[in-house]
């Protein structure tokens, strides 16, 4: 026994959806974004950023900032007539 063929399948230009190139192009765009995202996450996790400055340089920068803030507060106190 043969199965009845749908009327659309008898049309000469009929092709199943997976034979259409536009479908694969539309599927490829989000898939490529997912693959690119996965690669980016893998690179970010496997190559961590390292500290650019060491602890001594951090302490020096902090002391310079403290000295600058102290001099600015002292200067603003003199301008207001407090000093």
PDB file of N, CA and C in Angstrom:
ATOM      1  N   UNK A   1       0.827  -1.179   0.000  1.00  0.00           N
ATOM      2  CA  UNK A   1       0.000   0.000   0.000  1.00  0.00           C
ATOM      3  C   UNK A   1       0.871   1.241   0.000  1.00  0.00           C
ATOM      4  N   UNK A   2       0.523   2.136  -0.809  1.00  0.00           N
ATOM      5  CA  UNK A   2       1.254   3.392  -0.890  1.00  0.00           C
ATOM      6  C   UNK A   2       0.505   4.468  -0.125  1.00  0.00           C
ATOM      7  N   UNK A   3       1.294   5.356   0.460  1.00  0.00           N
ATOM      8  CA  UNK A   3       0.718   6.490   1.191  1.00  0.00           C
ATOM      9  C   UNK A   3       0.341   7.575   0.191  1.00  0.00           C
ATOM     10  N   UNK A   4      -0.753   8.276   0.428  1.00  0.00           N
ATOM     11  CA  UNK A   4      -1.105   9.378  -0.468  1.00  0.00           C
ATOM     12  C   UNK A   4      -0.107  10.523  -0.288  1.00  0.00           C
ATOM     13  N   UNK A   5       0.333  11.103  -1.383  1.00  0.00           N
ATOM     14  CA  UNK A   5       1.294  12.204  -1.371  1.00  0.00           C
ATOM     15  C   UNK A   5       0.512  13.511  -1.264  1.00  0.00           C
ATOM     16  N   UNK A   6       0.923  14.410  -0.353  1.00  0.00           N
ATOM     17  CA  UNK A   6       0.231  15.694  -0.245  1.00  0.00           C
ATOM     18  C   UNK A   6       0.311  16.474  -1.554  1.00  0.00           C
ATOM     19  N   UNK A   7      -0.656  17.328  -1.763  1.00  0.00           N
ATOM     20  CA  UNK A   7      -0.726  18.090  -3.012  1.00  0.00           C
ATOM     21  C   UNK A   7       0.485  18.996  -3.175  1.00  0.00           C
ATOM     22  N   UNK A   8       0.983  19.554  -2.068  1.00  0.00           N
ATOM     23  CA  UNK A   8       2.147  20.450  -2.154  1.00  0.00           C
ATOM     24  C   UNK A   8       3.390  19.690  -2.597  1.00  0.00           C
ATOM     25  N   UNK A   9       3.537  18.456  -2.158  1.00  0.00           N
ATOM     26  CA  UNK A   9       4.707  17.661  -2.518  1.00  0.00           C
ATOM     27  C   UNK A   9       4.696  17.293  -3.995  1.00  0.00           C
ATOM     28  N   UNK A  10       3.568  17.361  -4.636  1.00  0.00           N
ATOM     29  CA  UNK A  10       3.503  17.054  -6.054  1.00  0.00           C
ATOM     30  C   UNK A  10       3.919  18.240  -6.915  1.00  0.00           C
ATOM     31  N   UNK A  11       4.016  19.405  -6.309  1.00  0.00           N
ATOM     32  CA  UNK A  11       4.425  20.606  -7.041  1.00  0.00           C
ATOM     33  C   UNK A  11       5.880  20.444  -7.479  1.00  0.00           C
ATOM     34  N   UNK A  12       6.221  20.858  -8.714  1.00  0.00           N
ATOM     35  CA  UNK A  12       7.596  20.627  -9.199  1.00  0.00           C
ATOM     36  C   UNK A  12       8.660  21.417  -8.436  1.00  0.00           C
ATOM     37  N   UNK A  13       8.314  22.576  -7.824  1.00  0.00           N
ATOM     38  CA  UNK A  13       9.302  23.388  -7.107  1.00  0.00           C
ATOM     39  C   UNK A  13       9.361  23.060  -5.622  1.00  0.00           C
ATOM     40  N   UNK A  14       8.659  22.050  -5.186  1.00  0.00           N
ATOM     41  CA  UNK A  14       8.611  21.717  -3.766  1.00  0.00           C
ATOM     42  C   UNK A  14       9.946  21.134  -3.310  1.00  0.00           C
ATOM     43  N   UNK A  15      10.455  21.707  -2.211  1.00  0.00           N
ATOM     44  CA  UNK A  15      11.635  21.167  -1.557  1.00  0.00           C
ATOM     45  C   UNK A  15      11.382  21.186  -0.055  1.00  0.00           C
ATOM     46  N   UNK A  16      11.860  20.214   0.673  1.00  0.00           N
ATOM     47  CA  UNK A  16      11.690  20.258   2.127  1.00  0.00           C
ATOM     48  C   UNK A  16      12.467  21.443   2.716  1.00  0.00           C
ATOM     49  N   UNK A  17      12.099  21.851   3.927  1.00  0.00           N
ATOM     50  CA  UNK A  17      12.690  23.054   4.518  1.00  0.00           C
ATOM     51  C   UNK A  17      14.196  22.945   4.682  1.00  0.00           C
ATOM     52  N   UNK A  18      14.699  21.763   4.953  1.00  0.00           N
ATOM     53  CA  UNK A  18      16.137  21.625   5.182  1.00  0.00           C
ATOM     54  C   UNK A  18      16.959  21.679   3.898  1.00  0.00           C
ATOM     55  N   UNK A  19      16.304  21.749   2.770  1.00  0.00           N
ATOM     56  CA  UNK A  19      17.014  21.893   1.500  1.00  0.00           C
ATOM     57  C   UNK A  19      17.072  23.353   1.039  1.00  0.00           C
ATOM     58  N   UNK A  20      16.460  24.242   1.795  1.00  0.00           N
ATOM     59  CA  UNK A  20      16.462  25.661   1.446  1.00  0.00           C
ATOM     60  C   UNK A  20      17.689  26.339   2.054  1.00  0.00           C
ATOM     61  N   UNK A  21      18.464  27.075   1.268  1.00  0.00           N
ATOM     62  CA  UNK A  21      19.685  27.704   1.815  1.00  0.00           C
ATOM     63  C   UNK A  21      19.379  28.845   2.786  1.00  0.00           C
ATOM     64  N   UNK A  22      18.280  29.563   2.617  1.00  0.00           N
ATOM     65  CA  UNK A  22      17.967  30.688   3.503  1.00  0.00           C
ATOM     66  C   UNK A  22      17.708  30.221   4.924  1.00  0.00           C
ATOM     67  N   UNK A  23      17.143  29.057   5.062  1.00  0.00           N
ATOM     68  CA  UNK A  23      16.895  28.529   6.405  1.00  0.00           C
ATOM     69  C   UNK A  23      18.217  28.321   7.129  1.00  0.00           C
ATOM     70  N   UNK A  24      19.193  27.762   6.453  1.00  0.00           N
ATOM     71  CA  UNK A  24      20.488  27.506   7.080  1.00  0.00           C
ATOM     72  C   UNK A  24      21.231  28.797   7.367  1.00  0.00           C
ATOM     73  N   UNK A  25      21.049  29.797   6.527  1.00  0.00           N
ATOM     74  CA  UNK A  25      21.660  31.094   6.806  1.00  0.00           C
ATOM     75  C   UNK A  25      21.045  31.705   8.058  1.00  0.00           C
ATOM     76  N   UNK A  26      19.736  31.619   8.183  1.00  0.00           N
ATOM     77  CA  UNK A  26      19.078  32.168   9.368  1.00  0.00           C
ATOM     78  C   UNK A  26      19.442  31.387  10.628  1.00  0.00           C
ATOM     79  N   UNK A  27      19.685  30.111  10.499  1.00  0.00           N
ATOM     80  CA  UNK A  27      20.104  29.308  11.649  1.00  0.00           C
ATOM     81  C   UNK A  27      21.570  29.587  11.977  1.00  0.00           C
ATOM     82  N   UNK A  28      22.387  29.816  10.966  1.00  0.00           N
ATOM     83  CA  UNK A  28      23.825  30.000  11.176  1.00  0.00           C
ATOM     84  C   UNK A  28      24.147  31.285  11.935  1.00  0.00           C
ATOM     85  N   UNK A  29      23.363  32.332  11.758  1.00  0.00           N
ATOM     86  CA  UNK A  29      23.667  33.600  12.427  1.00  0.00           C
ATOM     87  C   UNK A  29      23.611  33.476  13.952  1.00  0.00           C
ATOM     88  N   UNK A  30      22.521  32.999  14.545  1.00  0.00           N
ATOM     89  CA  UNK A  30      22.535  32.861  16.007  1.00  0.00           C
ATOM     90  C   UNK A  30      23.515  31.797  16.508  1.00  0.00           C
ATOM     91  N   UNK A  31      23.707  30.750  15.730  1.00  0.00           N
ATOM     92  CA  UNK A  31      24.658  29.712  16.153  1.00  0.00           C
ATOM     93  C   UNK A  31      26.074  30.274  16.182  1.00  0.00           C
ATOM     94  N   UNK A  32      26.432  31.099  15.204  1.00  0.00           N
ATOM     95  CA  UNK A  32      27.773  31.701  15.206  1.00  0.00           C
ATOM     96  C   UNK A  32      27.931  32.664  16.379  1.00  0.00           C
ATOM     97  N   UNK A  33      26.873  33.366  16.761  1.00  0.00           N
ATOM     98  CA  UNK A  33      26.948  34.248  17.931  1.00  0.00           C
ATOM     99  C   UNK A  33      27.156  33.438  19.210  1.00  0.00           C
ATOM    100  N   UNK A  34      26.496  32.303  19.325  1.00  0.00           N
ATOM    101  CA  UNK A  34      26.658  31.452  20.501  1.00  0.00           C
ATOM    102  C   UNK A  34      28.071  30.886  20.559  1.00  0.00           C
ATOM    103  N   UNK A  35      28.593  30.457  19.428  1.00  0.00           N
ATOM    104  CA  UNK A  35      29.961  29.918  19.390  1.00  0.00           C
ATOM    105  C   UNK A  35      30.964  31.013  19.746  1.00  0.00           C
ATOM    106  N   UNK A  36      30.779  32.212  19.201  1.00  0.00           N
ATOM    107  CA  UNK A  36      31.674  33.322  19.520  1.00  0.00           C
ATOM    108  C   UNK A  36      31.621  33.690  20.986  1.00  0.00           C
ATOM    109  N   UNK A  37      30.439  33.656  21.566  1.00  0.00           N
ATOM    110  CA  UNK A  37      30.290  33.942  22.995  1.00  0.00           C
ATOM    111  C   UNK A  37      30.989  32.883  23.832  1.00  0.00           C
ATOM    112  N   UNK A  38      30.847  31.639  23.462  1.00  0.00           N
ATOM    113  CA  UNK A  38      31.503  30.553  24.198  1.00  0.00           C
ATOM    114  C   UNK A  38      33.024  30.686  24.119  1.00  0.00           C
ATOM    115  N   UNK A  39      33.535  31.036  22.957  1.00  0.00           N
ATOM    116  CA  UNK A  39      34.987  31.217  22.806  1.00  0.00           C
ATOM    117  C   UNK A  39      35.465  32.393  23.649  1.00  0.00           C
ATOM    118  N   UNK A  40      34.706  33.475  23.661  1.00  0.00           N
ATOM    119  CA  UNK A  40      35.077  34.647  24.464  1.00  0.00           C
ATOM    120  C   UNK A  40      35.096  34.315  25.943  1.00  0.00           C
ATOM    121  N   UNK A  41      34.092  33.589  26.422  1.00  0.00           N
ATOM    122  CA  UNK A  41      34.059  33.200  27.833  1.00  0.00           C
ATOM    123  C   UNK A  41      35.233  32.283  28.154  1.00  0.00           C
ATOM    124  N   UNK A  42      35.520  31.337  27.274  1.00  0.00           N
ATOM    125  CA  UNK A  42      36.650  30.436  27.509  1.00  0.00           C
ATOM    126  C   UNK A  42      37.963  31.218  27.571  1.00  0.00           C
ATOM    127  N   UNK A  43      38.165  32.164  26.652  1.00  0.00           N
ATOM    128  CA  UNK A  43      39.395  32.968  26.669  1.00  0.00           C
ATOM    129  C   UNK A  43      39.494  33.807  27.937  1.00  0.00           C
ATOM    130  N   UNK A  44      38.382  34.382  28.358  1.00  0.00           N
ATOM    131  CA  UNK A  44      38.401  35.217  29.557  1.00  0.00           C
ATOM    132  C   UNK A  44      38.713  34.399  30.802  1.00  0.00           C
ATOM    133  N   UNK A  45      38.225  33.185  30.866  1.00  0.00           N
ATOM    134  CA  UNK A  45      38.470  32.360  32.050  1.00  0.00           C
ATOM    135  C   UNK A  45      39.835  31.687  32.031  1.00  0.00           C
ATOM    136  N   UNK A  46      40.360  31.399  30.871  1.00  0.00           N
ATOM    137  CA  UNK A  46      41.641  30.695  30.808  1.00  0.00           C
ATOM    138  C   UNK A  46      42.841  31.637  30.788  1.00  0.00           C
ATOM    139  N   UNK A  47      42.641  32.917  30.514  1.00  0.00           N
ATOM    140  CA  UNK A  47      43.732  33.894  30.498  1.00  0.00           C
ATOM    141  C   UNK A  47      43.363  35.073  31.400  1.00  0.00           C
ATOM    142  N   UNK A  48      43.483  34.924  32.721  1.00  0.00           N
ATOM    143  CA  UNK A  48      43.076  36.018  33.624  1.00  0.00           C
ATOM    144  C   UNK A  48      44.039  37.203  33.532  1.00  0.00           C
ATOM    145  N   UNK A  49      43.521  38.368  33.852  1.00  0.00           N
ATOM    146  CA  UNK A  49      44.351  39.565  33.881  1.00  0.00           C
ATOM    147  C   UNK A  49      45.188  39.555  35.158  1.00  0.00           C
ATOM    148  N   UNK A  50      46.416  39.988  35.036  1.00  0.00           N
ATOM    149  CA  UNK A  50      47.295  40.038  36.189  1.00  0.00           C
ATOM    150  C   UNK A  50      47.454  41.484  36.614  1.00  0.00           C
ATOM    151  N   UNK A  51      47.882  41.656  37.856  1.00  0.00           N
ATOM    152  CA  UNK A  51      48.079  43.000  38.367  1.00  0.00           C
ATOM    153  C   UNK A  51      49.174  43.702  37.595  1.00  0.00           C
ATOM    154  N   UNK A  52      48.926  44.954  37.263  1.00  0.00           N
ATOM    155  CA  UNK A  52      49.907  45.723  36.505  1.00  0.00           C
ATOM    156  C   UNK A  52      50.930  46.339  37.447  1.00  0.00           C
ATOM    157  N   UNK A  53      50.484  46.784  38.605  1.00  0.00           N
ATOM    158  CA  UNK A  53      51.397  47.394  39.575  1.00  0.00           C
ATOM    159  C   UNK A  53      51.538  46.463  40.771  1.00  0.00           C
ATOM    160  N   UNK A  54      52.702  46.557  41.446  1.00  0.00           N
ATOM    161  CA  UNK A  54      52.897  45.728  42.629  1.00  0.00           C
ATOM    162  C   UNK A  54      52.438  46.479  43.883  1.00  0.00           C
ATOM    163  N   UNK A  55      52.519  45.828  45.014  1.00  0.00           N
ATOM    164  CA  UNK A  55      51.981  46.384  46.259  1.00  0.00           C
ATOM    165  C   UNK A  55      52.716  47.659  46.676  1.00  0.00           C
ATOM    166  N   UNK A  56      54.018  47.734  46.413  1.00  0.00           N
ATOM    167  CA  UNK A  56      54.785  48.915  46.791  1.00  0.00           C
ATOM    168  C   UNK A  56      54.306  50.138  46.011  1.00  0.00           C
ATOM    169  N   UNK A  57      54.045  49.969  44.732  1.00  0.00           N
ATOM    170  CA  UNK A  57      53.551  51.085  43.928  1.00  0.00           C
ATOM    171  C   UNK A  57      52.156  51.510  44.372  1.00  0.00           C
ATOM    172  N   UNK A  58      51.327  50.568  44.790  1.00  0.00           N
ATOM    173  CA  UNK A  58      49.988  50.902  45.281  1.00  0.00           C
ATOM    174  C   UNK A  58      50.102  51.748  46.545  1.00  0.00           C
ATOM    175  N   UNK A  59      50.987  51.367  47.454  1.00  0.00           N
ATOM    176  CA  UNK A  59      51.168  52.140  48.689  1.00  0.00           C
ATOM    177  C   UNK A  59      51.703  53.535  48.389  1.00  0.00           C
ATOM    178  N   UNK A  60      52.590  53.651  47.416  1.00  0.00           N
ATOM    179  CA  UNK A  60      53.127  54.958  47.050  1.00  0.00           C
ATOM    180  C   UNK A  60      52.027  55.851  46.479  1.00  0.00           C
ATOM    181  N   UNK A  61      51.197  55.307  45.625  1.00  0.00           N
ATOM    182  CA  UNK A  61      50.103  56.083  45.034  1.00  0.00           C
ATOM    183  C   UNK A  61      49.113  56.506  46.120  1.00  0.00           C
ATOM    184  N   UNK A  62      48.802  55.612  47.058  1.00  0.00           N
ATOM    185  CA  UNK A  62      47.884  55.958  48.140  1.00  0.00           C
ATOM    186  C   UNK A  62      48.447  57.067  49.012  1.00  0.00           C
ATOM    187  N   UNK A  63      49.746  57.012  49.314  1.00  0.00           N
ATOM    188  CA  UNK A  63      50.348  58.056  50.152  1.00  0.00           C
ATOM    189  C   UNK A  63      50.372  59.392  49.414  1.00  0.00           C
ATOM    190  N   UNK A  64      50.619  59.369  48.102  1.00  0.00           N
ATOM    191  CA  UNK A  64      50.577  60.616  47.327  1.00  0.00           C
ATOM    192  C   UNK A  64      49.175  61.202  47.304  1.00  0.00           C
ATOM    193  N   UNK A  65      48.175  60.345  47.175  1.00  0.00           N
ATOM    194  CA  UNK A  65      46.796  60.837  47.188  1.00  0.00           C
ATOM    195  C   UNK A  65      46.427  61.411  48.556  1.00  0.00           C
ATOM    196  N   UNK A  66      46.863  60.742  49.640  1.00  0.00           N
ATOM    197  CA  UNK A  66      46.589  61.270  50.977  1.00  0.00           C
ATOM    198  C   UNK A  66      47.264  62.624  51.179  1.00  0.00           C
ATOM    199  N   UNK A  67      48.501  62.748  50.722  1.00  0.00           N
ATOM    200  CA  UNK A  67      49.224  64.012  50.877  1.00  0.00           C
ATOM    201  C   UNK A  67      48.548  65.113  50.066  1.00  0.00           C
ATOM    202  N   UNK A  68      48.091  64.789  48.880  1.00  0.00           N
ATOM    203  CA  UNK A  68      47.420  65.779  48.046  1.00  0.00           C
ATOM    204  C   UNK A  68      46.105  66.232  48.698  1.00  0.00           C
ATOM    205  N   UNK A  69      45.344  65.293  49.250  1.00  0.00           N
ATOM    206  CA  UNK A  69      44.073  65.656  49.877  1.00  0.00           C
ATOM    207  C   UNK A  69      44.322  66.489  51.124  1.00  0.00           C
ATOM    208  N   UNK A  70      45.353  66.128  51.884  1.00  0.00           N
ATOM    209  CA  UNK A  70      45.661  66.911  53.082  1.00  0.00           C
ATOM    210  C   UNK A  70      46.079  68.326  52.723  1.00  0.00           C
ATOM    211  N   UNK A  71      46.880  68.489  51.671  1.00  0.00           N
ATOM    212  CA  UNK A  71      47.305  69.833  51.277  1.00  0.00           C
ATOM    213  C   UNK A  71      46.125  70.634  50.733  1.00  0.00           C
ATOM    214  N   UNK A  72      45.209  69.985  50.043  1.00  0.00           N
ATOM    215  CA  UNK A  72      44.033  70.699  49.529  1.00  0.00           C
ATOM    216  C   UNK A  72      43.106  71.125  50.660  1.00  0.00           C
ATOM    217  N   UNK A  73      42.944  70.290  51.664  1.00  0.00           N
ATOM    218  CA  UNK A  73      42.092  70.665  52.793  1.00  0.00           C
ATOM    219  C   UNK A  73      42.741  71.777  53.600  1.00  0.00           C
ATOM    220  N   UNK A  74      44.073  71.745  53.735  1.00  0.00           N
ATOM    221  CA  UNK A  74      44.767  72.813  54.450  1.00  0.00           C
ATOM    222  C   UNK A  74      44.660  74.121  53.676  1.00  0.00           C
ATOM    223  N   UNK A  75      44.785  74.052  52.353  1.00  0.00           N
ATOM    224  CA  UNK A  75      44.671  75.245  51.528  1.00  0.00           C
ATOM    225  C   UNK A  75      43.265  75.827  51.586  1.00  0.00           C
ATOM    226  N   UNK A  76      42.261  74.978  51.556  1.00  0.00           N
ATOM    227  CA  UNK A  76      40.888  75.473  51.616  1.00  0.00           C
ATOM    228  C   UNK A  76      40.592  76.069  52.991  1.00  0.00           C
ATOM    229  N   UNK A  77      41.239  75.559  54.048  1.00  0.00           N
ATOM    230  CA  UNK A  77      41.079  76.121  55.382  1.00  0.00           C
ATOM    231  C   UNK A  77      41.699  77.507  55.472  1.00  0.00           C
ATOM    232  N   UNK A  78      42.832  77.733  54.797  1.00  0.00           N
ATOM    233  CA  UNK A  78      43.478  79.042  54.807  1.00  0.00           C
ATOM    234  C   UNK A  78      42.653  80.052  54.018  1.00  0.00           C
ATOM    235  N   UNK A  79      42.027  79.618  52.930  1.00  0.00           N
ATOM    236  CA  UNK A  79      41.203  80.514  52.128  1.00  0.00           C
ATOM    237  C   UNK A  79      39.957  80.945  52.891  1.00  0.00           C
ATOM    238  N   UNK A  80      39.458  80.089  53.730  1.00  0.00           N
ATOM    239  CA  UNK A  80      38.264  80.437  54.517  1.00  0.00           C
ATOM    240  C   UNK A  80      38.606  81.260  55.737  1.00  0.00           C
ATOM    241  N   UNK A  81      39.883  81.437  56.054  1.00  0.00           N
ATOM    242  CA  UNK A  81      40.298  82.231  57.179  1.00  0.00           C
ATOM    243  C   UNK A  81      40.439  81.428  58.471  1.00  0.00           C
ATOM    244  N   UNK A  82      40.437  80.118  58.340  1.00  0.00           N
ATOM    245  CA  UNK A  82      40.555  79.278  59.519  1.00  0.00           C
ATOM    246  C   UNK A  82      42.014  79.122  59.953  1.00  0.00           C
ATOM    247  N   UNK A  83      42.969  79.367  59.077  1.00  0.00           N
ATOM    248  CA  UNK A  83      44.339  79.036  59.387  1.00  0.00           C
ATOM    249  C   UNK A  83      45.210  80.157  59.619  1.00  0.00           C
TER     250      UNK A  83
END
